[in-house]
N, C-alpha and C. Protein backbone atom coordinates (compact mmCIF):
# COMPACT_ATOMS: atom_id res chain seq x y z
N MET A 1 90.67 132.86 116.40
CA MET A 1 90.46 132.64 114.97
C MET A 1 89.17 133.41 114.62
N ASN A 2 89.29 134.17 113.54
CA ASN A 2 88.21 135.12 113.09
C ASN A 2 87.32 134.28 112.20
N GLN A 3 86.37 134.90 111.77
CA GLN A 3 85.38 134.32 110.91
C GLN A 3 85.86 133.82 109.57
N GLY A 4 86.67 134.73 109.07
CA GLY A 4 87.29 134.50 107.62
C GLY A 4 88.17 133.14 107.77
N GLU A 5 88.96 133.06 108.72
CA GLU A 5 89.90 131.92 108.96
C GLU A 5 88.99 130.68 109.18
N SER A 6 87.96 130.72 109.94
CA SER A 6 87.20 129.63 110.16
C SER A 6 86.47 129.15 108.83
N PHE A 7 86.08 130.07 108.05
CA PHE A 7 85.46 129.84 106.75
C PHE A 7 86.43 129.08 105.85
N SER A 8 87.70 129.60 105.90
CA SER A 8 88.76 129.12 104.92
C SER A 8 89.18 127.76 105.53
N ASN A 9 89.19 127.52 106.72
CA ASN A 9 89.44 126.12 107.37
C ASN A 9 88.36 125.16 106.90
N SER A 10 87.11 125.47 107.03
CA SER A 10 86.06 124.73 106.61
C SER A 10 86.08 124.39 105.17
N LEU A 11 86.43 125.26 104.22
CA LEU A 11 86.51 125.04 102.87
C LEU A 11 87.62 124.07 102.76
N TYR A 12 88.80 124.35 103.29
CA TYR A 12 89.90 123.36 103.09
C TYR A 12 89.50 122.02 103.63
N THR A 13 88.89 121.77 104.77
CA THR A 13 88.58 120.52 105.03
C THR A 13 87.60 119.86 104.18
N ASP A 14 86.54 120.63 103.60
CA ASP A 14 85.66 119.95 102.62
C ASP A 14 86.45 119.49 101.43
N GLN A 15 87.49 120.43 100.90
CA GLN A 15 88.28 119.97 99.72
C GLN A 15 89.08 118.80 100.11
N MET A 16 89.52 118.73 101.27
CA MET A 16 90.41 117.35 101.67
C MET A 16 89.45 116.13 101.58
N HIS A 17 88.24 116.26 102.23
CA HIS A 17 87.34 115.25 102.10
C HIS A 17 86.96 114.86 100.69
N LEU A 18 86.77 115.74 99.79
CA LEU A 18 86.60 115.42 98.29
C LEU A 18 87.71 114.78 97.80
N ALA A 19 88.80 115.29 98.02
CA ALA A 19 89.99 114.65 97.42
C ALA A 19 90.24 113.29 97.93
N GLU A 20 90.04 112.99 99.19
CA GLU A 20 90.15 111.57 99.74
C GLU A 20 89.14 110.64 99.12
N ARG A 21 87.85 111.19 98.83
CA ARG A 21 86.82 110.46 98.16
C ARG A 21 87.30 110.07 96.71
N GLU A 22 87.75 111.12 96.13
CA GLU A 22 88.19 110.96 94.67
C GLU A 22 89.35 109.96 94.40
N LEU A 23 90.31 110.10 95.36
CA LEU A 23 91.51 109.04 95.33
C LEU A 23 90.90 107.80 95.69
N SER A 24 90.19 107.59 96.72
CA SER A 24 89.68 106.22 97.08
C SER A 24 88.77 105.69 96.05
N SER A 25 88.01 106.40 95.22
CA SER A 25 87.19 105.85 94.16
C SER A 25 88.19 105.52 92.90
N PHE A 26 89.05 106.30 92.75
CA PHE A 26 89.90 106.12 91.57
C PHE A 26 90.78 104.77 91.91
N ILE A 27 91.44 104.60 93.13
CA ILE A 27 92.14 103.36 93.41
C ILE A 27 91.26 102.13 93.46
N ALA A 28 90.01 102.23 93.90
CA ALA A 28 89.11 101.05 93.84
C ALA A 28 88.86 100.67 92.36
N ALA A 29 88.75 101.71 91.62
CA ALA A 29 88.37 101.36 90.13
C ALA A 29 89.73 100.72 89.49
N VAL A 30 90.71 101.24 89.67
CA VAL A 30 92.01 100.73 89.18
C VAL A 30 92.33 99.34 89.62
N THR A 31 92.00 99.04 91.02
CA THR A 31 92.23 97.66 91.56
C THR A 31 91.23 96.72 90.89
N GLU A 32 90.01 97.08 90.69
CA GLU A 32 89.04 96.12 90.10
C GLU A 32 89.33 95.83 88.63
N LEU A 33 89.90 96.94 87.95
CA LEU A 33 90.07 96.74 86.52
C LEU A 33 91.44 96.06 86.19
N PHE A 34 92.55 96.58 87.03
CA PHE A 34 93.93 96.34 86.62
C PHE A 34 94.70 95.53 87.69
N GLY A 35 94.16 95.49 88.82
CA GLY A 35 94.91 94.69 89.85
C GLY A 35 95.62 95.59 90.99
N ALA A 36 96.04 94.93 91.93
CA ALA A 36 96.59 95.66 93.04
C ALA A 36 97.90 96.49 92.67
N GLU A 37 98.82 95.84 91.94
CA GLU A 37 100.11 96.49 91.69
C GLU A 37 99.83 97.78 90.91
N HIS A 38 99.01 97.79 89.84
CA HIS A 38 98.60 99.03 89.13
C HIS A 38 97.85 100.03 90.08
N ALA A 39 97.13 99.67 91.00
CA ALA A 39 96.35 100.45 91.94
C ALA A 39 97.45 101.12 92.82
N ARG A 40 98.51 100.37 93.28
CA ARG A 40 99.57 101.04 94.02
C ARG A 40 100.24 102.08 93.39
N LEU A 41 100.75 101.72 92.13
CA LEU A 41 101.45 102.60 91.33
C LEU A 41 100.53 104.01 91.01
N SER A 42 99.26 103.67 90.83
CA SER A 42 98.37 104.86 90.43
C SER A 42 98.25 105.58 91.59
N ALA A 43 98.13 105.12 92.89
CA ALA A 43 98.04 105.85 93.95
C ALA A 43 99.27 106.88 94.18
N GLU A 44 100.31 106.34 94.02
CA GLU A 44 101.66 107.14 93.94
C GLU A 44 101.60 108.20 92.75
N ASP A 45 100.98 107.72 91.69
CA ASP A 45 100.88 108.92 90.63
C ASP A 45 99.85 109.96 91.11
N TRP A 46 98.88 109.46 91.55
CA TRP A 46 97.74 110.52 91.83
C TRP A 46 98.35 111.45 92.97
N LEU A 47 99.06 111.02 93.91
CA LEU A 47 99.71 111.89 95.03
C LEU A 47 100.69 112.71 94.30
N ASP A 48 101.50 112.19 93.55
CA ASP A 48 102.44 113.01 92.70
C ASP A 48 101.95 114.16 91.96
N GLU A 49 100.84 113.81 91.21
CA GLU A 49 100.05 114.82 90.47
C GLU A 49 99.61 115.94 91.28
N SER A 50 99.06 115.39 92.51
CA SER A 50 98.43 116.43 93.38
C SER A 50 99.33 117.40 93.78
N GLU A 51 100.61 117.03 94.09
CA GLU A 51 101.79 117.91 94.48
C GLU A 51 102.20 118.85 93.22
N LEU A 52 102.01 118.24 92.13
CA LEU A 52 102.51 119.11 90.89
C LEU A 52 101.58 120.33 90.53
N MET A 53 100.26 120.18 91.09
CA MET A 53 99.24 121.18 90.95
C MET A 53 99.76 122.66 91.19
N ASP A 54 99.42 123.53 90.42
CA ASP A 54 99.85 125.00 90.53
C ASP A 54 99.26 125.52 91.99
N SER A 55 98.07 125.12 92.29
CA SER A 55 97.53 125.68 93.59
C SER A 55 98.25 125.56 94.82
N PRO A 56 98.31 126.39 95.75
CA PRO A 56 98.95 126.08 96.98
C PRO A 56 98.22 125.05 97.78
N PRO A 57 98.90 124.25 98.66
CA PRO A 57 98.26 123.05 99.30
C PRO A 57 96.99 123.43 100.06
N ARG A 58 96.80 124.62 100.67
CA ARG A 58 95.76 125.06 101.39
C ARG A 58 94.70 125.82 100.42
N SER A 59 94.82 125.75 99.38
CA SER A 59 94.01 126.50 98.37
C SER A 59 92.63 125.86 98.35
N THR A 60 91.56 126.66 98.22
CA THR A 60 90.18 126.12 98.08
C THR A 60 89.86 125.69 96.57
N ASN A 61 90.88 126.04 95.73
CA ASN A 61 90.57 125.88 94.24
C ASN A 61 91.03 124.64 93.85
N ARG A 62 91.59 123.60 94.61
CA ARG A 62 92.26 122.50 94.17
C ARG A 62 91.19 121.59 93.56
N ASP A 63 91.47 120.93 92.48
CA ASP A 63 90.45 120.05 91.71
C ASP A 63 90.84 118.79 91.65
N SER A 64 90.51 117.89 92.45
CA SER A 64 90.92 116.50 92.52
C SER A 64 90.57 115.78 91.45
N ARG A 65 89.53 116.27 90.64
CA ARG A 65 89.25 115.51 89.36
C ARG A 65 90.43 115.59 88.34
N THR A 66 90.82 116.75 88.23
CA THR A 66 92.10 116.99 87.40
C THR A 66 93.21 116.21 87.81
N VAL A 67 93.32 115.97 89.04
CA VAL A 67 94.45 115.04 89.48
C VAL A 67 94.23 113.65 88.99
N THR A 68 92.98 113.28 89.01
CA THR A 68 92.61 111.81 88.65
C THR A 68 92.87 111.63 87.25
N ILE A 69 92.44 112.76 86.51
CA ILE A 69 92.61 112.63 85.02
C ILE A 69 94.09 112.46 84.66
N ALA A 70 95.04 113.18 85.33
CA ALA A 70 96.45 113.28 85.01
C ALA A 70 97.01 111.84 85.43
N ALA A 71 96.58 111.31 86.56
CA ALA A 71 96.92 109.91 87.03
C ALA A 71 96.41 108.95 86.15
N SER A 72 95.29 109.04 85.65
CA SER A 72 94.67 108.06 84.66
C SER A 72 95.56 108.02 83.36
N ALA A 73 95.92 109.30 82.97
CA ALA A 73 96.84 109.26 81.68
C ALA A 73 98.15 108.51 81.94
N ARG A 74 98.66 108.75 83.21
CA ARG A 74 99.89 108.00 83.52
C ARG A 74 99.68 106.49 83.47
N LEU A 75 98.52 106.02 84.13
CA LEU A 75 98.20 104.59 84.08
C LEU A 75 97.96 104.16 82.58
N ALA A 76 97.41 104.97 81.76
CA ALA A 76 97.09 104.54 80.37
C ALA A 76 98.50 104.37 79.72
N SER A 77 99.41 105.19 80.01
CA SER A 77 100.68 105.11 79.40
C SER A 77 101.49 104.01 79.81
N ARG A 78 101.41 103.65 81.08
CA ARG A 78 102.06 102.56 81.64
C ARG A 78 101.57 101.22 81.11
N LEU A 79 100.22 101.08 80.97
CA LEU A 79 99.65 99.84 80.39
C LEU A 79 99.89 99.71 78.86
N ASN A 80 99.90 100.93 78.17
CA ASN A 80 100.35 100.98 76.76
C ASN A 80 101.72 100.30 76.61
N VAL A 81 102.73 100.84 77.40
CA VAL A 81 104.06 100.40 77.41
C VAL A 81 104.11 98.91 77.81
N ALA A 82 103.38 98.51 78.70
CA ALA A 82 103.42 96.97 79.13
C ALA A 82 102.75 96.18 77.94
N ILE A 83 101.79 96.62 77.19
CA ILE A 83 101.32 95.84 76.25
C ILE A 83 102.24 95.72 74.96
N HIS A 84 102.84 96.98 74.62
CA HIS A 84 103.86 96.89 73.65
C HIS A 84 104.98 96.10 73.85
N HIS A 85 105.36 96.08 75.15
CA HIS A 85 106.55 95.23 75.52
C HIS A 85 106.26 93.75 75.44
N GLN A 86 104.97 93.36 75.79
CA GLN A 86 104.60 92.03 75.76
C GLN A 86 104.58 91.68 74.24
N MET A 87 104.04 92.54 73.51
CA MET A 87 103.95 92.23 72.01
C MET A 87 105.21 92.13 71.34
N SER A 88 106.24 92.81 71.74
CA SER A 88 107.56 92.80 71.24
C SER A 88 108.28 91.56 71.57
N LEU A 89 107.94 90.93 72.80
CA LEU A 89 108.45 89.72 73.20
C LEU A 89 107.81 88.58 72.72
N GLY A 90 106.70 88.82 71.94
CA GLY A 90 105.88 87.68 71.36
C GLY A 90 105.01 86.85 72.36
N THR A 91 104.88 87.56 73.61
CA THR A 91 103.96 86.94 74.50
C THR A 91 102.45 87.35 74.43
N SER A 92 101.72 86.50 74.84
CA SER A 92 100.28 86.78 74.69
C SER A 92 99.92 87.72 75.77
N THR A 93 98.88 88.57 75.23
CA THR A 93 98.34 89.64 76.17
C THR A 93 97.03 89.04 76.84
N ALA A 94 96.73 87.84 76.55
CA ALA A 94 95.43 87.29 76.92
C ALA A 94 95.43 87.13 78.45
N ASP A 95 96.54 87.01 79.05
CA ASP A 95 96.56 86.86 80.51
C ASP A 95 96.62 88.19 81.22
N THR A 96 96.74 89.36 80.49
CA THR A 96 96.57 90.51 81.12
C THR A 96 95.23 90.93 81.68
N LYS A 97 95.18 91.34 82.91
CA LYS A 97 94.01 91.56 83.56
C LYS A 97 93.39 92.92 83.07
N VAL A 98 92.66 92.99 82.00
CA VAL A 98 92.06 94.23 81.70
C VAL A 98 90.60 94.01 81.25
N SER A 99 89.76 94.74 82.11
CA SER A 99 88.27 94.56 81.81
C SER A 99 87.71 95.59 80.97
N PRO A 100 86.85 95.16 79.98
CA PRO A 100 86.21 96.19 79.24
C PRO A 100 85.28 97.24 80.13
N ILE A 101 85.31 98.40 79.77
CA ILE A 101 84.48 99.44 80.42
C ILE A 101 83.14 99.47 79.79
N PRO A 102 81.96 99.16 80.67
CA PRO A 102 80.74 99.04 79.93
C PRO A 102 80.46 100.41 79.25
N SER A 103 79.77 100.40 78.08
CA SER A 103 79.59 101.46 77.26
C SER A 103 78.60 102.59 78.03
N SER A 104 77.70 102.14 79.03
CA SER A 104 76.90 102.93 79.75
C SER A 104 77.69 103.82 80.63
N ASN A 105 79.05 103.39 81.09
CA ASN A 105 79.71 104.13 81.97
C ASN A 105 80.72 105.07 81.22
N CYS A 106 80.74 104.98 79.87
CA CYS A 106 81.52 105.92 79.02
C CYS A 106 80.99 107.34 78.86
N PHE A 107 81.87 108.32 79.11
CA PHE A 107 81.33 109.65 78.83
C PHE A 107 80.79 109.90 77.30
N ALA A 108 81.63 109.47 76.55
CA ALA A 108 81.23 109.50 75.03
C ALA A 108 79.87 109.02 74.76
N SER A 109 79.52 107.94 75.36
CA SER A 109 78.38 107.15 75.03
C SER A 109 77.15 108.11 75.41
N THR A 110 77.40 108.78 76.70
CA THR A 110 76.27 109.70 77.11
C THR A 110 76.05 110.83 76.16
N LEU A 111 77.08 111.16 75.54
CA LEU A 111 76.91 112.33 74.60
C LEU A 111 76.14 112.00 73.36
N LEU A 112 76.15 110.65 72.99
CA LEU A 112 75.48 110.19 71.77
C LEU A 112 73.94 109.96 72.08
N LEU A 113 73.75 109.77 73.26
CA LEU A 113 72.30 109.57 73.68
C LEU A 113 71.27 110.77 73.42
């Protein structure tokens, strides 16, 4: 293996570790906020979105944050559908496990400071 291949493999390994941490953090947050079932579905969404990226699998340009954003959009859509479905059935949404996000964690609030 030449030095270029070794460097490429090292970058690929680093990207894989970053992606693993990103997925782990995303799933932990979804579990805490919305429960285990949404976390399971969101993990599948994250992996699906990762596969849909234009970059080749061994690319060093893969951006796991972009994958998380896409999986978050799928989660938001799924939650929105569930809430509308509950409302159309006339059931209460009070039992839905949705925790507010503290404003200190919101990106928009940091822009206002």
